Protein backbone atom coordinates (compact mmCIF):
# COMPACT_ATOMS: atom_id res chain seq x y z
CA MET A 1 137.34 -176.18 104.61
CA GLN A 2 134.25 -176.14 106.81
CA ASN A 3 134.20 -172.35 106.47
CA ILE A 4 134.04 -172.69 102.68
CA ALA A 5 131.10 -175.09 103.01
CA ASP A 6 129.37 -172.68 105.40
CA ILE A 7 129.87 -169.70 103.07
CA LEU A 8 128.48 -171.66 100.13
CA CYS A 9 125.68 -173.58 101.82
CA LEU A 10 124.37 -171.89 104.97
CA ARG A 11 121.55 -169.40 104.64
CA GLY A 12 122.50 -165.98 105.97
CA VAL A 13 126.28 -166.54 105.84
CA GLY A 14 127.89 -164.05 103.50
CA ILE A 15 131.46 -163.80 104.75
CA GLY A 16 134.00 -166.06 106.40
CA ILE A 17 137.70 -166.51 107.03
CA VAL A 18 139.27 -169.14 104.79
CA GLN A 19 142.89 -170.19 104.30
CA SER A 20 143.95 -169.37 100.73
CA ASP A 21 145.49 -172.81 100.33
CA ALA A 22 142.21 -174.39 101.51
CA LEU A 23 140.40 -172.53 98.74
CA ALA A 24 143.05 -173.65 96.24
CA TYR A 25 142.62 -177.25 97.45
CA VAL A 26 138.84 -177.07 97.03
CA GLU A 27 139.31 -175.71 93.50
CA GLN A 28 141.93 -178.33 92.56
CA GLN A 29 139.88 -181.23 93.94
CA LYS A 30 136.66 -179.81 92.39
CA LEU A 31 134.81 -180.22 95.69
CA TYR A 32 132.33 -177.41 94.93
CA PRO A 33 131.30 -176.52 91.35
CA ASN A 34 132.44 -173.05 90.21
CA VAL A 35 133.84 -172.18 93.64
CA GLN A 36 136.28 -169.71 92.06
CA HIS A 37 133.23 -167.67 90.91
CA ARG A 38 131.33 -168.04 94.18
CA VAL A 39 134.00 -167.06 96.73
CA ALA A 40 136.08 -163.88 96.54
CA SER A 41 139.16 -162.83 98.46
CA ILE A 42 138.87 -159.42 100.09
CA ALA A 43 141.95 -159.24 102.35
CA LYS A 44 145.05 -161.18 103.31
CA LEU A 45 145.17 -161.58 107.09
CA PHE A 46 148.34 -163.50 107.97
CA GLU A 47 150.78 -166.21 106.90
CA GLN A 48 149.95 -169.72 108.07
CA GLU A 49 152.59 -171.42 110.20
CA VAL A 50 153.26 -175.11 110.60
CA HIS A 51 154.63 -176.50 113.85
CA VAL A 52 156.14 -179.97 113.94
CA LEU A 53 156.57 -181.70 117.30
CA ALA A 54 158.82 -184.73 117.20
CA ARG A 55 161.29 -186.82 119.21
CA LYS A 56 164.88 -185.62 119.70
CA ASP A 57 166.17 -187.88 116.92
CA ILE A 58 164.02 -186.03 114.34
CA ALA A 59 166.06 -182.93 113.46
CA ALA A 60 164.44 -182.06 110.11
CA LEU A 61 161.35 -182.99 108.10
CA PRO A 62 163.20 -185.53 105.92
CA ASP A 63 164.06 -187.42 109.14
CA LEU A 64 160.40 -188.36 109.43
CA GLY A 65 160.97 -190.72 106.51
CA HIS A 66 158.31 -193.40 106.64
CA HIS A 67 157.19 -192.64 110.19
CA LYS A 68 153.48 -192.32 110.83
CA VAL A 69 152.57 -188.64 111.32
CA HIS A 70 149.31 -187.31 112.82
CA VAL A 71 147.96 -184.25 111.00
CA ASP A 72 144.56 -183.67 112.66
CA VAL A 73 141.15 -184.84 111.49
CA ARG A 74 140.20 -185.41 107.85
CA ASN A 75 139.46 -182.20 105.92
CA SER A 76 140.92 -179.99 108.66
CA GLY A 77 143.18 -177.16 107.58
CA THR A 78 146.16 -178.96 109.08
CA ALA A 79 145.43 -182.21 107.26
CA MET A 80 144.87 -180.35 104.01
CA MET A 81 148.17 -178.44 104.32
CA ALA A 82 150.06 -181.66 105.03
CA SER A 83 148.55 -183.59 102.14
CA PRO A 84 150.61 -184.38 99.03
CA TRP A 85 148.24 -182.51 96.66
CA ARG A 86 150.49 -179.44 96.87
């Protein structure tokens, strides 16, 4: 999401790489007014992968249950992807 902020706010920045779901999150949360008219997609680069590292007794995501899970720093792409807004 920092890249979106840089594109919108930094002088001289006209292009950046942004995860499509990060842009959708910014739109849904209304973090920047009219962002859908201020940022345009020009190419799809790759699919985003998620890697989960866990103990042996965690065989699938539902096994995490009510365990505490670390998903990087606030507003990072990882934290945004793991949030329940989706």
